[in-house]
Protein backbone atom coordinates (compact mmCIF):
# COMPACT_ATOMS: atom_id res chain seq x y z
CA MET A 1 12.26 28.29 -53.19
CA THR A 2 8.48 28.08 -53.35
CA PHE A 3 5.96 28.86 -50.65
CA ALA A 4 2.48 27.42 -50.02
CA LEU A 5 -0.42 29.80 -50.46
CA VAL A 6 -2.00 30.95 -47.22
CA ASP A 7 -5.35 29.17 -47.27
CA ARG A 8 -7.42 28.32 -44.20
CA GLN A 9 -6.28 24.70 -43.94
CA ARG A 10 -2.56 25.49 -44.21
CA LEU A 11 -2.96 28.37 -41.77
CA ARG A 12 -4.57 26.11 -39.17
CA ALA A 13 -1.77 23.58 -39.63
CA ALA A 14 0.76 26.37 -39.03
CA TYR A 15 -1.09 27.60 -35.93
CA THR A 16 -1.21 24.13 -34.35
CA SER A 17 2.53 23.65 -34.99
CA PHE A 18 3.08 26.05 -32.10
CA ALA A 19 3.03 23.96 -28.91
CA THR A 20 1.04 25.54 -26.09
CA GLY A 21 -0.31 24.80 -22.67
CA VAL A 22 -4.01 24.01 -22.29
CA THR A 23 -6.57 25.78 -20.13
CA VAL A 24 -10.23 25.42 -19.30
CA ILE A 25 -11.95 28.74 -18.69
CA THR A 26 -15.06 28.77 -16.55
CA THR A 27 -17.63 31.20 -15.21
CA LYS A 28 -21.18 31.44 -13.97
CA GLY A 29 -23.62 33.23 -16.23
CA ARG A 30 -26.26 35.66 -15.08
CA ASP A 31 -28.73 32.76 -15.08
CA GLY A 32 -26.57 30.98 -12.51
CA ARG A 33 -25.50 28.19 -14.87
CA ALA A 34 -21.84 27.26 -15.06
CA ALA A 35 -20.15 27.64 -18.45
CA GLY A 36 -16.80 26.28 -19.55
CA MET A 37 -14.64 25.76 -22.63
CA THR A 38 -11.16 24.52 -23.52
CA ALA A 39 -8.77 27.23 -24.69
CA SER A 40 -5.12 27.03 -25.72
CA SER A 41 -5.00 30.73 -26.65
CA PHE A 42 -4.17 31.98 -23.13
CA TYR A 43 -1.64 34.80 -22.85
CA SER A 44 -0.01 36.68 -19.98
CA ILE A 45 -0.05 40.37 -20.92
CA SER A 46 1.27 42.31 -17.95
CA LEU A 47 2.56 41.90 -14.40
CA ASP A 48 1.70 45.44 -13.33
CA PRO A 49 -1.20 45.65 -13.62
CA PRO A 50 -1.75 41.83 -13.64
CA LEU A 51 -3.49 41.25 -16.98
CA VAL A 52 -4.12 38.13 -19.05
CA SER A 53 -6.17 37.43 -22.17
CA ILE A 54 -8.18 34.58 -23.66
CA SER A 55 -9.21 34.37 -27.34
CA LEU A 56 -12.90 33.48 -27.80
CA THR A 57 -14.81 32.50 -30.93
CA ARG A 58 -17.75 34.88 -31.07
CA ASN A 59 -20.25 32.25 -32.23
CA THR A 60 -19.53 29.87 -29.35
CA PRO A 61 -22.66 29.28 -27.22
CA SER A 62 -21.02 30.46 -23.97
CA PHE A 63 -19.53 33.65 -25.45
CA ASP A 64 -22.09 35.95 -23.82
CA SER A 65 -21.65 34.23 -20.47
CA PHE A 66 -17.95 35.13 -20.41
CA VAL A 67 -18.04 38.68 -21.74
CA GLY A 68 -20.95 39.55 -19.43
CA ALA A 69 -19.59 37.85 -16.30
CA GLU A 70 -18.38 39.61 -13.18
CA GLU A 71 -15.48 37.17 -12.96
CA PHE A 72 -14.06 34.13 -14.71
CA ALA A 73 -11.51 31.46 -13.83
CA ILE A 74 -8.67 29.94 -15.84
CA SER A 75 -7.58 26.42 -14.88
CA ILE A 76 -4.18 25.53 -16.39
CA LEU A 77 -4.48 21.79 -16.98
CA SER A 78 -2.00 19.23 -15.70
CA VAL A 79 -0.62 16.34 -17.74
CA GLU A 80 -3.25 13.93 -16.40
CA GLN A 81 -6.20 16.10 -17.52
CA SER A 82 -6.31 15.53 -21.28
CA GLY A 83 -9.74 13.94 -20.79
CA LEU A 84 -11.03 17.20 -19.30
CA ALA A 85 -9.54 19.14 -22.20
CA ARG A 86 -11.59 17.06 -24.64
CA GLN A 87 -14.68 17.09 -22.43
CA PHE A 88 -14.80 20.89 -22.27
CA ALA A 89 -14.03 21.15 -26.00
CA THR A 90 -16.99 18.95 -26.95
CA PRO A 91 -20.55 20.36 -27.15
CA ALA A 92 -22.69 19.03 -24.29
CA GLU A 93 -25.63 20.10 -22.19
CA ASP A 94 -23.59 19.74 -18.99
CA LYS A 95 -19.83 19.88 -19.50
CA PHE A 96 -19.29 19.72 -15.74
CA GLU A 97 -20.80 16.25 -15.36
CA GLY A 98 -18.45 14.15 -13.22
CA VAL A 99 -15.86 16.96 -12.92
CA ALA A 100 -14.17 17.44 -9.54
CA LEU A 101 -13.94 21.10 -8.48
CA GLU A 102 -11.57 22.79 -6.07
CA ARG A 103 -13.18 24.64 -3.20
CA THR A 104 -12.55 28.39 -3.39
CA GLN A 105 -14.23 31.58 -2.24
CA PHE A 106 -15.10 32.51 -5.83
CA SER A 107 -18.25 31.81 -7.83
CA SER A 108 -16.40 30.66 -10.97
CA PRO A 109 -15.67 26.90 -10.91
CA VAL A 110 -12.00 25.89 -10.61
CA LEU A 111 -10.99 22.40 -11.78
CA SER A 112 -9.41 20.19 -9.16
CA GLY A 113 -6.04 18.65 -10.05
CA CYS A 114 -4.85 21.45 -12.35
CA SER A 115 -1.29 22.85 -12.49
CA ALA A 116 -2.43 26.35 -11.52
CA TRP A 117 -5.49 28.55 -11.59
CA LEU A 118 -6.28 32.23 -11.87
CA VAL A 119 -9.49 34.11 -11.14
CA CYS A 120 -9.97 37.26 -13.19
CA ARG A 121 -12.25 40.24 -13.43
CA PRO A 122 -13.13 41.14 -17.06
CA GLU A 123 -11.31 44.33 -17.99
CA ARG A 124 -12.18 44.76 -21.66
CA VAL A 125 -13.24 42.88 -24.80
CA ILE A 126 -11.42 43.57 -28.07
CA ASP A 127 -12.87 42.29 -31.36
CA VAL A 128 -10.14 41.01 -33.66
CA GLY A 129 -11.06 39.21 -36.89
CA ASP A 130 -13.48 36.34 -36.23
CA HIS A 131 -12.49 36.20 -32.53
CA SER A 132 -12.64 38.45 -29.48
CA LEU A 133 -9.89 38.91 -26.93
CA LEU A 134 -11.23 38.81 -23.39
CA VAL A 135 -8.75 40.74 -21.25
CA GLY A 136 -8.96 40.03 -17.52
CA GLU A 137 -7.38 41.51 -14.42
CA VAL A 138 -6.05 38.73 -12.17
CA ILE A 139 -7.50 39.03 -8.67
CA ALA A 140 -6.39 35.66 -7.24
CA THR A 141 -4.20 32.71 -8.19
CA ARG A 142 -2.82 29.46 -6.85
CA VAL A 143 0.00 27.25 -8.17
CA HIS A 144 0.20 23.47 -7.68
CA ASP A 145 3.29 21.31 -8.19
CA ARG A 146 1.93 19.35 -11.16
CA PRO A 147 3.47 19.05 -14.68
CA PRO A 148 1.45 20.81 -17.40
CA LEU A 149 -0.53 19.41 -20.32
CA ILE A 150 0.82 20.36 -23.75
CA TYR A 151 -1.14 20.69 -27.01
CA HIS A 152 0.62 20.28 -30.37
CA ARG A 153 -0.71 19.40 -33.84
CA GLY A 154 -4.05 18.10 -32.69
CA THR A 155 -3.02 16.00 -29.71
CA PHE A 156 -2.18 16.34 -26.03
CA PHE A 157 0.92 15.12 -24.22
CA GLY A 158 3.17 15.83 -21.26
CA VAL A 159 6.74 16.95 -20.91
CA ALA A 160 9.35 14.31 -20.00
CA ASP A 161 12.97 15.00 -19.09
CA GLN A 162 14.51 12.08 -21.00
CA VAL A 163 12.65 9.50 -23.08
CA SER A 164 13.77 7.31 -25.93
CA GLU A 165 12.30 7.90 -29.37
CA GLU A 166 10.49 4.55 -29.25
CA SER A 167 8.87 5.11 -25.84
CA ASP A 168 8.02 8.69 -26.82
CA LEU A 169 6.10 7.52 -29.89
CA LEU A 170 4.32 4.76 -27.99
CA ARG A 171 3.33 7.14 -25.20
CA HIS A 172 2.10 9.90 -27.45
CA ARG A 173 0.21 7.90 -30.09
CA GLY A 174 -3.51 8.28 -29.39
CA ALA A 175 -6.62 6.66 -30.85
CA MET A 176 -10.06 8.15 -31.45
CA VAL A 177 -13.31 7.16 -33.09
CA GLY A 178 -15.22 9.26 -35.60
CA PHE A 179 -18.51 9.01 -37.42
CA ILE A 180 -19.90 9.74 -40.88
CA VAL A 181 -23.58 10.25 -40.16
CA GLU A 182 -26.18 11.02 -42.84
CA CYS A 183 -29.70 12.40 -42.54
CA ASP A 184 -31.87 13.34 -45.53
CA ASP A 185 -28.84 12.94 -47.83
CA LYS A 186 -26.80 15.37 -45.68
CA VAL A 187 -23.59 14.66 -43.76
CA ALA A 188 -22.99 15.83 -40.20
CA LEU A 189 -20.01 18.08 -39.47
CA VAL A 190 -19.11 19.76 -36.19
CA PRO A 191 -16.86 22.67 -35.17
CA ASP A 192 -13.25 21.62 -34.69
CA PRO A 193 -12.58 22.38 -31.01
CA TYR A 194 -8.85 22.81 -31.66
CA ALA A 195 -8.88 25.06 -34.75
CA PRO A 196 -10.48 28.48 -35.13
CA SER A 197 -13.68 28.52 -37.19
CA GLY A 198 -13.02 25.11 -38.73
CA LEU A 199 -15.15 22.00 -39.27
CA THR A 200 -14.46 18.31 -38.94
CA LEU A 201 -16.21 14.98 -38.49
CA PRO A 202 -17.59 14.17 -35.02
CA MET A 203 -14.56 12.59 -33.29
CA ALA A 204 -13.61 11.75 -29.70
CA ARG A 205 -11.88 9.14 -27.60
CA LEU A 206 -14.02 6.05 -27.12
CA ALA A 207 -16.33 6.35 -24.11
CA GLY A 208 -16.88 3.55 -21.62
CA GLY A 209 -19.32 0.73 -22.28
CA ARG A 210 -19.85 -2.95 -21.55
CA THR A 211 -19.23 -3.78 -25.23
CA ASN A 212 -17.52 -2.04 -28.13
CA ALA A 213 -20.92 -1.45 -29.78
CA GLU A 214 -22.26 0.18 -26.63
CA ALA A 215 -19.15 2.36 -26.27
CA LEU A 216 -19.50 3.50 -29.89
CA ALA A 217 -23.17 4.39 -29.37
CA VAL A 218 -22.41 6.30 -26.16
CA THR A 219 -19.57 8.23 -27.79
CA ALA A 220 -21.69 9.14 -30.82
CA ARG A 221 -24.53 10.29 -28.55
CA ARG A 222 -22.18 12.56 -26.62
CA LEU A 223 -20.81 14.06 -29.83
CA LEU A 224 -24.08 14.55 -31.71
CA GLY A 225 -26.75 14.63 -29.03
CA GLU A 226 -28.67 12.08 -31.10
CA ARG A 227 -29.26 8.33 -30.98
CA VAL A 228 -26.83 6.97 -33.54
CA GLU A 229 -26.34 3.38 -34.70
CA PRO A 230 -22.87 2.66 -36.16
CA ASP A 231 -22.99 0.41 -39.25
CA PHE A 232 -19.42 -0.61 -40.02
CA LEU A 233 -15.83 0.58 -39.97
CA TYR A 234 -15.26 2.86 -42.97
CA SER A 235 -11.68 4.10 -42.63
CA LEU A 236 -8.64 4.00 -40.39
CA ILE A 237 -6.77 7.26 -40.84
CA ASP A 238 -3.94 9.19 -39.23
CA ILE A 239 -5.22 12.66 -38.35
CA ASN A 240 -1.67 13.83 -37.65
CA ASP A 241 1.70 12.52 -36.42
CA HIS A 242 0.26 11.45 -33.06
CA LEU A 243 -3.40 10.66 -33.57
CA THR A 244 -5.20 7.80 -35.37
CA CYS A 245 -8.96 7.76 -35.90
CA MET A 246 -11.25 4.82 -36.64
CA VAL A 247 -14.13 6.29 -38.65
CA TYR A 248 -17.46 4.43 -38.74
CA ARG A 249 -20.43 4.88 -41.02
CA ALA A 250 -23.51 5.41 -38.90
CA ARG A 251 -27.18 6.31 -39.17
CA LEU A 252 -29.61 8.20 -36.97
CA ARG A 253 -32.13 6.05 -35.16
CA GLU A 254 -34.67 8.90 -35.11
CA ALA A 255 -35.23 12.35 -36.59
CA PRO A 256 -32.61 14.90 -35.42
CA ARG A 257 -33.75 17.12 -32.59
CA GLY A 258 -31.28 19.93 -33.27
CA GLY A 259 -30.05 22.34 -30.63
CA ARG A 260 -26.40 21.29 -30.95
CA LEU A 261 -23.51 22.69 -32.94
CA VAL A 262 -23.94 19.92 -35.50
CA GLN A 263 -24.23 21.21 -39.06
CA TRP A 264 -25.71 19.17 -41.92
CA PHE A 265 -24.36 19.55 -45.45
CA ALA A 266 -25.48 18.13 -48.77
CA ALA A 267 -22.64 16.68 -50.86
CA ASP A 268 -22.55 19.70 -53.16
CA ASP A 269 -22.55 22.15 -50.24
CA ILE A 270 -19.69 20.79 -48.11
CA PRO A 271 -17.36 23.77 -47.33
CA TRP A 272 -14.11 22.03 -48.24
CA ASP A 273 -11.91 25.00 -47.34
CA GLU A 274 -13.22 24.87 -43.77
CA ILE A 275 -12.32 21.19 -43.20
CA THR A 276 -9.37 21.41 -40.82
CA SER A 277 -7.69 18.07 -41.59
CA SER A 278 -6.51 17.06 -45.06
CA ALA A 279 -7.04 13.40 -44.04
CA VAL A 280 -10.67 14.10 -43.12
CA ALA A 281 -11.20 16.08 -46.34
CA TYR A 282 -9.83 13.17 -48.42
CA LEU A 283 -12.04 10.71 -46.56
CA LEU A 284 -15.16 12.82 -47.16
CA ARG A 285 -14.39 13.25 -50.86
CA ARG A 286 -14.05 9.48 -51.23
CA TYR A 287 -17.30 8.96 -49.33
CA VAL A 288 -19.17 11.43 -51.56
CA THR A 289 -17.90 9.59 -54.64
CA GLU A 290 -18.74 6.11 -53.32
CA ARG A 291 -22.23 6.97 -52.11
CA VAL A 292 -23.24 7.86 -55.70
CA VAL A 293 -22.82 4.20 -56.72
CA ASP A 294 -23.71 2.89 -53.24
CA GLN A 295 -20.54 0.82 -53.09
CA PHE A 296 -18.20 1.55 -50.25
CA GLY A 297 -14.76 0.41 -49.24
CA VAL A 298 -12.70 0.20 -46.06
CA TYR A 299 -9.61 2.41 -46.26
CA VAL A 300 -6.47 1.92 -44.18
CA ASN A 301 -3.59 4.35 -44.69
CA VAL A 302 -0.81 1.87 -44.07
CA GLY A 303 2.11 2.53 -46.37
CA GLY A 304 0.62 4.07 -49.50
CA GLY A 305 -2.90 3.33 -48.29
CA ARG A 306 -5.34 0.73 -49.57
CA VAL A 307 -9.08 0.35 -49.99
CA ALA A 308 -10.91 -2.97 -49.57
CA THR A 309 -14.19 -2.84 -51.48
CA ILE A 310 -17.38 -4.02 -49.80
CA THR A 311 -19.62 -5.65 -52.41
CA ALA A 312 -22.50 -6.63 -50.14
CA GLU A 313 -23.55 -6.65 -46.51
CA ARG A 314 -24.81 -9.66 -44.57
CA GLU A 315 -25.51 -10.47 -40.95
CA TRP A 316 -22.75 -12.31 -39.09
CA VAL A 317 -23.81 -15.69 -37.72
CA PRO A 318 -21.29 -16.84 -35.10
CA GLY A 319 -20.25 -20.48 -34.82
CA PRO A 320 -20.01 -23.27 -37.44
CA ALA A 321 -23.01 -21.93 -39.39
CA ALA A 322 -20.83 -19.03 -40.55
CA ILE A 323 -18.35 -21.39 -42.27
CA PRO A 324 -19.22 -22.90 -45.66
CA GLU A 325 -19.91 -26.62 -45.51
CA GLU A 326 -18.68 -27.26 -49.03
CA GLN A 327 -15.74 -26.20 -51.11
CA ASP A 328 -16.21 -23.11 -53.25
CA GLU A 329 -14.41 -23.01 -56.57
CA ARG A 330 -12.49 -19.81 -57.12
CA GLU A 331 -11.96 -18.04 -60.41
CA ASP A 332 -8.39 -19.38 -60.63
CA GLY A 333 -9.59 -23.00 -60.36
CA THR A 334 -8.45 -23.54 -56.76
CA HIS A 335 -10.87 -24.34 -53.96
CA ALA A 336 -11.62 -22.84 -50.60
CA LEU A 337 -11.19 -25.48 -47.91
CA HIS A 338 -14.16 -26.32 -45.72
CA PRO A 339 -13.78 -27.14 -41.98
CA GLY A 340 -11.63 -30.19 -41.32
CA ALA A 341 -9.91 -30.13 -44.71
CA ASP A 342 -6.12 -30.31 -44.82
CA ALA A 343 -4.03 -27.89 -46.79
């Protein structure tokens, strides 16, 4: 019997194999601004005294707000709140935009519609590895009769009593969009919100918009904090057993302003051991290779996977003008039929 070496990528895969509930922890900093983040590393420590803990990455922007707060709240998300889980896991100037809050006597925001919530007083902070455990004493709680949200291997789902295998797969399969964005010959990577200290491409569920192009632009703006113009679909990949991502090549419409958690890496400096998904790592390696010759392909991992090479770009002209008026002879001697021709 052989065993895989314990590298960062395999370790993350092992961690996310453990199904957990999902929480959003919230507080108000000393400046009066609300802070929040998604956390699946919530643990009940003790009933007497009532203690719980949350694991925090020390380089997260809201770290100081939580460890220096007089209180913080833990909202245990319900099955219908996967959108909030992603919203609070994605860097944004105001994560609370459009979020309904439950009215309580406490200063820390509590998310409306959750399965349960707890309000805690920080008891101690314990540094462990690249994280810190924030231990809190529970001072108030409320439980609602709502089924919980579950996180497993990179996706969210609910618990059902009895479902068929087919309906289970259809219900749990999710779709996202991602972006390969370059600036000054560097590629944008962001912290993976679901893996400790890892990196990935900017990815999220498609935001609303009047057209697909507008929805892509809005989603990219939320992820990167920059005006981004998607060029074309680059790859369709399965991130894991439940999640498919449509990855687009894109370019910045203006110089980056910074101030986000976006990190830019030259091709030779990409930290491959920090890329959390093997599918994303493969995609990036292919992109680095193709950009050298400036000839890209569209990859779809159906079956063994296939790449369709793009030899040139041209603007699409809708209507009859987009269809050749004459037959074009192919290399094998056959002809392409023009409109109105019979096979």
